[in-house]
Protein backbone atom coordinates (compact mmCIF):
# COMPACT_ATOMS: atom_id res chain seq x y z
CA MET A 1 9.22 -52.61 -22.04
CA ARG A 2 6.62 -54.97 -23.58
CA LEU A 3 8.92 -57.96 -23.16
CA THR A 4 8.99 -57.31 -19.58
CA SER A 5 5.37 -56.86 -18.98
CA HIS A 6 4.70 -60.41 -20.62
CA ALA A 7 7.04 -62.05 -18.57
CA SER A 8 5.61 -61.02 -15.38
CA ARG A 9 2.27 -62.05 -16.78
CA ILE A 10 3.55 -65.59 -17.64
CA THR A 11 5.00 -65.67 -13.83
CA PHE A 12 1.75 -64.70 -12.50
CA HIS A 13 -0.11 -67.51 -14.13
CA VAL A 14 2.38 -70.01 -13.23
CA SER A 15 1.90 -68.93 -9.59
CA ARG A 16 -1.84 -69.38 -9.79
CA ILE A 17 -1.43 -72.96 -11.16
CA THR A 18 0.98 -73.83 -8.66
CA PHE A 19 -1.58 -72.54 -5.95
CA HIS A 20 -4.36 -74.66 -7.33
CA ALA A 21 -2.28 -77.75 -7.60
CA SER A 22 -1.61 -77.34 -4.01
CA ARG A 23 -5.27 -76.82 -3.02
CA PHE A 24 -6.00 -79.93 -5.05
CA THR A 25 -3.34 -81.80 -3.29
CA CYS A 26 -4.77 -80.84 0.17
CA VAL A 27 -8.29 -81.95 -0.72
CA PHE A 28 -7.08 -85.08 -2.36
CA LEU A 29 -5.25 -85.80 0.70
CA THR A 30 -8.25 -85.18 2.95
CA LEU A 31 -10.56 -87.15 0.90
CA ALA A 32 -7.95 -89.98 0.91
CA LEU A 33 -8.12 -90.19 4.68
CA TRP A 34 -11.95 -89.92 4.69
CA LEU A 35 -11.94 -92.72 2.08
CA LEU A 36 -9.68 -94.92 3.92
CA ALA A 37 -10.93 -94.35 7.39
CA PRO A 38 -14.14 -96.50 7.11
CA ALA A 39 -12.10 -99.68 6.15
CA THR A 40 -10.16 -99.45 9.72
CA ALA A 41 -12.25 -97.48 12.10
CA HIS A 42 -15.11 -100.24 12.65
CA ALA A 43 -12.74 -102.53 14.38
CA GLN A 44 -10.53 -99.73 16.46
CA ASP A 45 -13.22 -96.84 17.13
CA ARG A 46 -14.62 -96.94 20.90
CA ILE A 47 -15.49 -94.69 23.77
CA VAL A 48 -12.89 -94.80 26.29
CA ALA A 49 -14.07 -92.58 28.82
CA LEU A 50 -17.40 -90.96 29.98
CA SER A 51 -17.53 -88.02 32.64
CA PRO A 52 -19.54 -88.15 34.38
CA GLU A 53 -20.89 -91.60 34.05
CA LYS A 54 -24.43 -91.21 35.43
CA GLY A 55 -27.19 -88.24 35.84
CA PRO A 56 -30.89 -87.65 36.47
CA THR A 57 -33.55 -89.09 34.53
CA GLY A 58 -34.71 -85.43 33.46
CA GLY A 59 -31.75 -85.23 31.27
CA GLY A 60 -29.58 -82.11 31.14
CA THR A 61 -26.24 -83.58 32.05
CA VAL A 62 -23.02 -82.46 30.23
CA VAL A 63 -21.22 -85.43 29.32
CA SER A 64 -17.79 -85.41 28.08
CA ILE A 65 -16.90 -88.22 25.63
CA GLU A 66 -13.39 -89.38 24.91
CA VAL A 67 -13.20 -91.56 21.69
CA GLU A 68 -10.34 -93.61 20.29
CA GLY A 69 -10.42 -94.04 16.53
CA GLY A 70 -11.15 -92.11 13.34
CA VAL A 71 -14.98 -91.93 13.88
CA VAL A 72 -14.59 -88.42 14.89
CA LEU A 73 -13.87 -87.30 11.47
CA GLY A 74 -17.08 -86.22 9.88
CA PRO A 75 -20.43 -85.20 10.79
CA LEU A 76 -21.18 -86.91 14.19
CA ARG A 77 -24.40 -87.80 16.39
CA VAL A 78 -24.40 -89.02 19.87
CA GLU A 79 -27.16 -91.32 21.30
CA PHE A 80 -27.97 -92.09 24.89
CA GLY A 81 -30.00 -95.32 24.74
CA GLY A 82 -30.99 -94.73 21.06
CA ARG A 83 -31.93 -90.99 21.97
CA PRO A 84 -29.99 -88.28 20.36
CA ALA A 85 -28.12 -85.89 22.67
CA ASP A 86 -29.67 -82.31 22.81
CA VAL A 87 -26.37 -80.48 22.01
CA LEU A 88 -22.84 -81.88 20.55
CA ARG A 89 -19.64 -79.87 20.22
CA ARG A 90 -16.01 -81.06 19.70
CA THR A 91 -13.65 -79.92 22.42
CA GLY A 92 -10.49 -81.82 20.91
CA LEU A 93 -9.37 -84.16 18.40
CA SER A 94 -10.74 -87.23 19.87
CA THR A 95 -13.24 -85.61 22.65
CA LEU A 96 -16.83 -84.42 22.38
CA GLU A 97 -19.29 -82.84 24.90
CA ALA A 98 -23.07 -83.72 24.71
CA VAL A 99 -25.99 -82.94 26.62
CA ALA A 100 -27.74 -86.21 27.77
CA PRO A 101 -31.40 -86.31 27.05
CA PRO A 102 -34.28 -87.45 29.40
CA GLY A 103 -34.10 -91.15 30.00
CA VAL A 104 -35.55 -93.89 32.10
CA PRO A 105 -33.86 -95.19 35.34
CA GLY A 106 -31.06 -97.49 34.69
CA PRO A 107 -28.23 -98.11 32.45
CA ALA A 108 -28.50 -96.72 28.92
CA PRO A 109 -25.81 -97.48 26.07
CA VAL A 110 -23.93 -94.18 24.69
CA GLN A 111 -22.72 -94.37 21.16
CA VAL A 112 -20.92 -91.81 18.75
CA VAL A 113 -22.43 -92.29 15.19
CA ASN A 114 -20.61 -91.17 12.05
CA GLU A 115 -23.47 -89.91 9.90
CA LEU A 116 -21.17 -89.70 6.59
CA TRP A 117 -19.76 -93.18 7.01
CA GLY A 118 -22.81 -94.87 9.03
CA THR A 119 -20.27 -96.19 11.51
CA THR A 120 -20.76 -96.30 15.36
CA THR A 121 -18.55 -96.60 18.28
CA ALA A 122 -18.70 -99.80 20.75
CA PRO A 123 -21.26 -98.60 23.44
CA ALA A 124 -20.23 -97.35 26.86
CA VAL A 125 -22.74 -97.00 29.69
CA PHE A 126 -24.55 -94.28 31.20
CA THR A 127 -26.49 -94.57 34.00
CA TYR A 128 -29.80 -92.50 34.58
CA VAL A 129 -30.53 -91.92 38.20
CA PRO A 130 -34.26 -91.54 39.48
CA PRO A 131 -34.57 -88.26 41.14
CA ALA A 132 -34.55 -88.31 44.93
CA PRO A 133 -37.99 -88.59 46.71
CA ARG A 134 -39.25 -85.15 47.98
CA LEU A 135 -41.61 -84.62 50.93
CA VAL A 136 -44.01 -81.75 50.96
CA ARG A 137 -46.68 -82.27 53.79
CA LEU A 138 -47.79 -84.82 56.27
CA ASP A 139 -51.32 -85.46 57.30
CA PRO A 140 -51.71 -85.31 60.26
CA PRO A 141 -48.55 -83.49 61.12
CA ALA A 142 -49.09 -83.97 64.77
CA VAL A 143 -51.06 -86.56 66.98
CA PRO A 144 -51.97 -86.76 70.84
CA VAL A 145 -50.03 -89.27 72.74
CA GLY A 146 -51.27 -92.53 73.02
CA SER A 147 -53.07 -92.06 69.59
CA GLU A 148 -53.82 -95.66 68.15
CA GLY A 149 -54.59 -96.89 64.85
CA LEU A 150 -53.11 -93.89 63.17
CA VAL A 151 -52.94 -93.65 59.23
CA LEU A 152 -50.15 -91.32 58.18
CA SER A 153 -50.50 -89.73 54.70
CA ILE A 154 -47.02 -88.34 53.06
CA GLU A 155 -47.58 -85.94 50.20
CA GLY A 156 -44.65 -85.32 48.03
CA GLU A 157 -43.02 -86.43 44.52
CA HIS A 158 -40.86 -89.14 43.03
CA PHE A 159 -42.20 -92.06 45.04
CA GLY A 160 -42.15 -95.47 43.60
CA ALA A 161 -42.42 -99.23 44.37
CA THR A 162 -38.94 -99.26 46.08
CA SER A 163 -39.74 -96.40 48.37
CA ARG A 164 -39.12 -96.97 52.19
CA LEU A 165 -40.46 -94.91 54.84
CA ARG A 166 -38.58 -94.20 58.17
CA VAL A 167 -39.94 -92.46 61.12
CA GLY A 168 -37.31 -91.42 63.42
CA GLU A 169 -34.89 -94.45 63.22
CA THR A 170 -37.77 -96.96 62.82
CA PRO A 171 -38.62 -98.33 59.23
CA VAL A 172 -42.25 -98.50 58.86
CA PRO A 173 -44.04 -100.32 55.91
CA VAL A 174 -45.68 -97.96 53.29
CA THR A 175 -48.16 -98.40 50.73
CA VAL A 176 -47.53 -96.29 47.54
CA VAL A 177 -50.99 -94.88 46.53
CA SER A 178 -49.47 -92.59 43.76
CA PRO A 179 -46.16 -91.05 42.75
CA GLN A 180 -47.29 -88.14 44.99
CA ARG A 181 -48.69 -89.82 47.78
CA LEU A 182 -47.84 -92.49 50.23
CA GLN A 183 -49.44 -94.32 53.33
CA ALA A 184 -48.33 -95.73 56.48
CA ARG A 185 -49.81 -97.02 59.62
CA ILE A 186 -47.71 -95.83 62.46
CA PRO A 187 -46.95 -98.54 65.19
CA ALA A 188 -48.54 -97.83 68.45
CA PRO A 189 -45.06 -97.64 70.38
CA LEU A 190 -43.80 -94.81 68.44
CA LEU A 191 -47.00 -92.97 69.59
CA ALA A 192 -46.94 -93.99 73.49
CA ARG A 193 -44.72 -90.81 74.63
CA ALA A 194 -44.44 -87.21 73.66
CA TRP A 195 -41.58 -86.52 71.12
CA THR A 196 -40.70 -85.16 67.71
CA LEU A 197 -39.58 -87.57 64.83
CA GLU A 198 -38.38 -87.01 61.65
CA VAL A 199 -40.16 -88.54 58.71
CA ARG A 200 -38.13 -89.46 55.64
CA VAL A 201 -38.42 -91.63 52.32
CA ILE A 202 -35.76 -93.53 51.39
CA ASP A 203 -35.34 -95.09 47.84
CA ALA A 204 -32.20 -96.89 47.31
CA ALA A 205 -32.93 -98.14 43.85
CA LEU A 206 -30.39 -97.07 41.25
CA GLY A 207 -28.95 -94.56 43.93
CA GLY A 208 -32.24 -92.58 44.22
CA GLY A 209 -31.33 -91.44 47.65
CA THR A 210 -33.11 -89.96 50.59
CA SER A 211 -35.80 -87.24 50.76
CA ASN A 212 -35.74 -84.06 52.78
CA GLY A 213 -37.01 -84.59 56.42
CA LEU A 214 -40.67 -83.42 57.80
CA SER A 215 -41.27 -83.32 61.43
CA PHE A 216 -43.89 -85.38 62.94
CA SER A 217 -44.99 -84.60 66.70
CA VAL A 218 -46.62 -86.85 69.38
CA THR A 219 -47.84 -84.15 71.85
CA ASN A 220 -48.80 -84.13 75.34
CA PRO A 221 -52.21 -82.75 76.25
CA VAL A 222 -52.53 -79.25 78.20
CA PRO A 223 -53.11 -80.40 81.67
CA GLU A 224 -56.16 -79.13 83.78
CA VAL A 225 -56.29 -78.87 87.70
CA THR A 226 -59.69 -79.34 89.15
CA ALA A 227 -59.09 -79.82 92.88
CA ILE A 228 -56.61 -79.74 95.46
CA GLU A 229 -56.44 -82.19 98.54
CA ALA A 230 -54.56 -81.16 101.58
CA PRO A 231 -54.54 -81.58 105.25
CA PRO A 232 -57.45 -79.42 106.84
CA LEU A 233 -54.85 -77.45 108.88
CA LEU A 234 -51.85 -76.15 106.51
CA ALA A 235 -50.17 -73.57 108.62
CA PRO A 236 -46.70 -71.50 108.18
CA ALA A 237 -43.80 -73.54 109.52
CA SER A 238 -45.54 -76.93 108.80
CA GLY A 239 -43.23 -79.84 108.12
CA ALA A 240 -43.11 -81.13 104.59
CA THR A 241 -46.62 -81.77 103.44
CA ALA A 242 -48.23 -84.16 100.95
CA ILE A 243 -50.95 -82.71 98.80
CA THR A 244 -52.97 -84.59 96.21
CA VAL A 245 -53.78 -82.75 92.83
CA ARG A 246 -56.78 -83.96 90.79
CA GLY A 247 -57.67 -83.08 87.23
CA ARG A 248 -57.14 -84.56 83.91
CA GLY A 249 -54.49 -84.64 81.12
CA PHE A 250 -51.56 -85.53 83.54
CA ARG A 251 -48.48 -87.46 82.35
CA PRO A 252 -45.84 -89.41 83.90
CA GLU A 253 -43.24 -86.33 83.16
CA SER A 254 -45.81 -83.41 84.57
CA LEU A 255 -44.57 -81.42 87.47
CA VAL A 256 -46.52 -79.77 90.29
CA TYR A 257 -45.58 -76.09 90.69
CA LEU A 258 -46.47 -74.22 93.87
CA ALA A 259 -46.37 -70.48 93.43
CA GLY A 260 -43.97 -70.89 90.49
CA THR A 261 -41.50 -73.35 92.15
CA ALA A 262 -41.47 -77.02 91.05
CA VAL A 263 -41.99 -79.65 93.74
CA THR A 264 -41.43 -83.37 94.18
CA THR A 265 -44.19 -85.11 92.15
CA ARG A 266 -45.44 -88.57 91.67
CA PHE A 267 -47.67 -89.63 88.78
CA GLN A 268 -50.39 -91.61 89.82
CA THR A 269 -52.81 -91.72 86.93
CA GLY A 270 -53.82 -89.23 84.25
CA GLU A 271 -56.27 -87.76 86.69
CA GLU A 272 -54.25 -87.71 89.79
CA LEU A 273 -50.69 -86.51 91.01
CA THR A 274 -49.17 -86.45 94.61
CA ALA A 275 -46.70 -83.79 95.62
CA LEU A 276 -44.61 -83.22 98.37
CA ILE A 277 -44.36 -79.46 99.49
CA PRO A 278 -41.40 -78.44 101.28
CA PRO A 279 -41.52 -76.40 104.46
CA ALA A 280 -39.94 -73.26 102.93
CA LEU A 281 -42.76 -72.82 100.57
CA LEU A 282 -45.21 -72.86 103.72
CA ALA A 283 -43.18 -70.24 105.49
CA LYS A 284 -45.86 -67.50 105.08
CA ALA A 285 -49.82 -67.59 105.34
CA GLY A 286 -51.57 -66.81 102.28
CA GLU A 287 -53.09 -68.26 99.00
CA LEU A 288 -50.47 -70.18 96.92
CA PRO A 289 -51.35 -71.04 93.58
CA VAL A 290 -50.88 -74.55 92.33
CA THR A 291 -50.28 -75.45 88.98
CA VAL A 292 -49.29 -78.60 86.84
CA VAL A 293 -46.60 -78.10 84.01
CA THR A 294 -46.54 -80.83 81.28
CA PRO A 295 -43.22 -80.43 79.00
CA GLY A 296 -43.67 -80.48 75.33
CA PRO A 297 -44.22 -81.25 72.49
CA GLY A 298 -47.44 -80.06 73.49
CA GLY A 299 -48.47 -79.82 77.10
CA GLY A 300 -48.07 -76.49 78.78
CA ALA A 301 -49.06 -74.75 81.99
CA SER A 302 -52.66 -75.76 83.56
CA ASN A 303 -54.95 -73.26 85.18
CA ALA A 304 -54.11 -72.31 88.83
CA VAL A 305 -56.11 -73.49 91.90
CA ASP A 306 -55.34 -71.75 95.22
CA LEU A 307 -53.90 -73.46 98.07
CA ALA A 308 -54.52 -71.72 101.49
CA VAL A 309 -51.84 -71.56 104.13
CA ARG A 310 -53.35 -70.03 107.21
CA ALA A 311 -52.15 -69.15 110.59
CA PRO A 312 -53.55 -71.53 113.12
CA PHE A 313 -56.42 -70.56 115.10
CA PRO A 314 -55.74 -71.26 118.61
CA GLY A 315 -58.22 -73.59 120.17
CA ARG A 316 -60.11 -73.72 116.61
CA TYR A 317 -61.69 -77.14 117.05
CA LEU A 318 -63.86 -78.11 120.26
CA ALA A 319 -65.36 -81.58 120.63
CA PHE A 320 -68.07 -82.00 123.47
CA THR A 321 -71.03 -84.27 124.44
CA SER A 322 -74.61 -83.23 124.49
CA ASN A 323 -77.97 -84.85 124.88
CA ARG A 324 -80.01 -82.37 122.85
CA ARG A 325 -81.29 -85.19 120.67
CA GLY A 326 -84.14 -87.44 122.30
CA GLY A 327 -82.00 -87.23 125.79
CA ARG A 328 -79.22 -89.51 124.30
CA ASN A 329 -75.48 -88.52 124.68
CA HIS A 330 -73.84 -87.61 121.34
CA VAL A 331 -70.59 -86.06 120.25
CA TYR A 332 -70.30 -82.78 118.52
CA LEU A 333 -67.55 -80.62 116.88
CA LEU A 334 -67.43 -76.82 117.00
CA ASP A 335 -64.97 -75.12 114.53
CA ARG A 336 -64.61 -71.79 116.34
CA GLU A 337 -62.65 -70.16 113.50
CA ALA A 338 -65.56 -70.78 111.03
CA GLY A 339 -68.37 -70.50 113.47
CA ARG A 340 -69.68 -73.73 112.27
CA LEU A 341 -71.02 -76.86 114.32
CA ASP A 342 -70.57 -80.46 112.95
CA PRO A 343 -73.17 -82.83 114.39
CA LEU A 344 -70.93 -85.66 113.38
CA GLU A 345 -74.00 -87.82 112.11
CA GLU A 346 -71.63 -90.40 110.52
CA ALA A 347 -69.99 -90.97 113.86
CA ASN A 348 -72.90 -90.99 116.55
CA SER A 349 -75.19 -93.75 116.95
CA ALA A 350 -79.03 -93.54 116.96
CA ASN A 351 -79.51 -96.39 119.44
CA GLY A 352 -76.70 -95.66 121.87
CA ASN A 353 -74.83 -93.03 123.81
CA ASP A 354 -71.53 -91.44 122.53
CA GLY A 355 -69.44 -89.19 124.85
CA TYR A 356 -66.18 -88.58 126.37
CA PRO A 357 -64.52 -87.24 122.94
CA SER A 358 -60.92 -86.49 122.29
CA ILE A 359 -59.48 -84.64 119.33
CA SER A 360 -56.32 -84.41 117.41
CA ALA A 361 -54.54 -81.23 116.98
CA ASP A 362 -55.71 -80.66 113.49
CA GLY A 363 -59.20 -81.50 114.26
CA ARG A 364 -59.19 -84.45 111.81
CA PHE A 365 -59.70 -87.32 114.15
CA ILE A 366 -61.99 -87.70 117.16
CA VAL A 367 -61.85 -90.51 119.55
CA PHE A 368 -64.76 -91.38 121.82
CA GLN A 369 -66.63 -93.85 124.02
CA SER A 370 -69.94 -95.55 122.93
CA ASP A 371 -72.29 -98.37 124.35
CA ARG A 372 -73.86 -98.95 121.01
CA ASN A 373 -73.01 -102.64 121.34
CA ARG A 374 -75.60 -104.12 123.53
CA GLY A 375 -74.70 -101.51 126.46
CA GLN A 376 -71.19 -102.51 126.44
CA ALA A 377 -68.61 -99.42 126.43
CA ASP A 378 -66.11 -99.53 123.42
CA VAL A 379 -63.79 -96.86 121.72
CA PHE A 380 -64.49 -95.68 118.35
CA LEU A 381 -62.23 -93.42 115.99
CA PHE A 382 -63.99 -90.91 113.71
CA ASP A 383 -61.98 -89.38 110.42
CA ARG A 384 -63.63 -86.18 109.79
CA GLU A 385 -61.93 -85.66 106.48
CA THR A 386 -62.99 -89.20 104.99
CA ARG A 387 -66.29 -89.22 107.25
CA ARG A 388 -65.49 -92.82 108.00
CA LEU A 389 -66.08 -94.48 111.55
CA ASP A 390 -63.44 -97.12 112.71
CA PRO A 391 -64.97 -99.55 115.16
CA LEU A 392 -61.15 -100.49 116.11
CA PRO A 393 -61.61 -104.37 116.64
CA GLU A 394 -58.07 -104.74 117.40
CA LEU A 395 -58.60 -102.22 120.44
CA ASN A 396 -61.62 -103.27 121.92
CA HIS A 397 -62.50 -106.48 124.14
CA PRO A 398 -65.67 -108.32 123.52
CA THR A 399 -67.10 -108.40 127.28
CA ALA A 400 -64.79 -106.01 129.06
CA PHE A 401 -65.36 -102.18 129.72
CA ASP A 402 -63.23 -100.03 127.09
CA GLY A 403 -63.75 -96.29 127.30
CA PHE A 404 -62.20 -92.90 128.60
CA PRO A 405 -60.17 -92.56 125.43
CA HIS A 406 -57.65 -89.88 124.65
CA ILE A 407 -55.92 -89.32 121.33
CA SER A 408 -52.18 -87.69 120.74
CA ALA A 409 -52.18 -84.47 118.99
CA ASP A 410 -50.74 -86.31 115.90
CA GLY A 411 -53.54 -88.58 115.56
CA ARG A 412 -51.45 -91.61 116.07
CA PHE A 413 -51.66 -93.00 119.46
CA ILE A 414 -54.98 -93.78 121.65
CA VAL A 415 -54.66 -94.27 125.38
CA PHE A 416 -57.95 -95.77 127.11
CA GLU A 417 -58.85 -97.43 130.13
CA SER A 418 -60.22 -101.14 130.15
CA ASP A 419 -61.20 -103.40 132.83
CA ARG A 420 -59.99 -106.73 130.97
CA LEU A 421 -57.46 -107.76 133.39
CA ASN A 422 -59.13 -109.18 136.42
CA GLY A 423 -61.68 -106.66 136.36
CA ARG A 424 -59.69 -103.64 137.59
CA PRO A 425 -59.17 -100.62 135.36
CA LYS A 426 -55.92 -100.47 133.68
CA ILE A 427 -54.36 -98.13 131.12
CA PHE A 428 -53.66 -99.41 127.40
CA LEU A 429 -52.06 -97.95 124.39
CA PHE A 430 -53.34 -98.45 120.76
CA ASP A 431 -51.23 -97.62 117.56
CA THR A 432 -53.60 -96.72 114.99
CA GLN A 433 -50.74 -97.12 112.19
CA THR A 434 -49.60 -100.65 113.07
CA ARG A 435 -52.99 -101.61 114.68
CA VAL A 436 -51.18 -102.88 117.75
CA ARG A 437 -52.64 -102.63 121.09
CA SER A 438 -50.30 -102.88 124.35
CA GLU A 439 -50.67 -102.77 128.01
CA LEU A 440 -48.74 -100.01 129.74
CA GLY A 441 -47.21 -102.20 132.34
CA GLN A 442 -44.82 -99.55 133.71
CA ALA A 443 -47.81 -97.09 134.44
CA ASN A 444 -50.23 -99.67 136.07
CA GLU A 445 -50.30 -101.20 139.51
CA ALA A 446 -51.59 -104.62 140.09
CA THR A 447 -53.64 -103.83 143.21
CA ALA A 448 -54.73 -100.17 142.12
CA ASP A 449 -57.42 -98.71 139.72
CA ASP A 450 -55.51 -96.96 137.05
CA GLY A 451 -57.39 -94.93 134.01
CA LEU A 452 -58.54 -91.57 132.80
CA ALA A 453 -55.23 -91.30 130.95
CA ALA A 454 -54.00 -88.48 128.35
CA ILE A 455 -51.09 -88.40 126.08
CA SER A 456 -49.06 -85.75 124.55
CA ASN A 457 -47.90 -85.53 120.86
């Protein structure tokens, strides 16, 4: 029994010696590898791959590094442009992961350093990319159309010497005030019409990229209507009628609306539009609101000014002759609907006799006879709307009698009597639009007196 026990103890100690010998052998082999490695790693160790190869200057990019050679044995340090990586871990026998530290824009050499042997890999290149510019605010964000000399202030971040500004599709020179502020003078052609433009900052240096966009608006003014000029007699069933709209803030794209319906509009100036009212909108008597609408950006609808469409007053206007002032004959007009007498002071002469009036259907034009030129009878035309007197030099003869005129209902034609042909009264026609006078040969008889004519519309 005792011999057996001693044999067992001897066997146990032999096993322990064998185990320690194995451990020693393992440690020896590992140490041998470590001792032999520096002799060959310096010529062979290199980084064969970085993924990704670029990242932001703020750091934080997780970079996978694949190394060829024995430098991965032992304690390691990874440097980006001489700056140590924040985090390091092994992911395989020849691969590492490192978190790039903050850097400056541009290429940075990356090296793996064996801190035990003091060896480094041949460097690879990691490129630090500057952050894309970011826009926060425009000052001003909108300007009236037609503005000049506008300096636009752009606030944001990550601006630099290589920053470029684009307004819409147009590159605009920019001044870098600080990394948070740019200034640019906007060209006048970009402010000549109303529209909305996207403003962006582009920095292509080292792939910095393009900023977000902010909207910059060139706005139309809100129109204002101050007056409507229309024919004095605007009645239901009138034909297409032209009106003039006066005010301010009109634009070429402005439209005149009558009772909410857009009508054909022509831009004259920023204070005047002309519009053609179709007959359908004049079908009924009443007060029709006239507005001007300008599209955006900006713009909008103006105030409303009423346009009166009235049923005709039969026989509203009466033109007549009276000698109530100093015994001389003068022409007067009575508006029967308004109950108002117009003495036509701009038409009558203080030194002559004026009479034999004829009036157009709308009461605007009055033609009459006057002896104000050295006692000789001549024909004159008065426009009540403009209060202007037309002496009709193309109609009157310098020495003959011209008188007893009559005007057509539309105010275009005047027929009158003249003795300019051999002293006998004859009938003549005058066109106020073309300013052409003609003898009505088909109406006149060579041996007779012809006169006192009237003409239809």
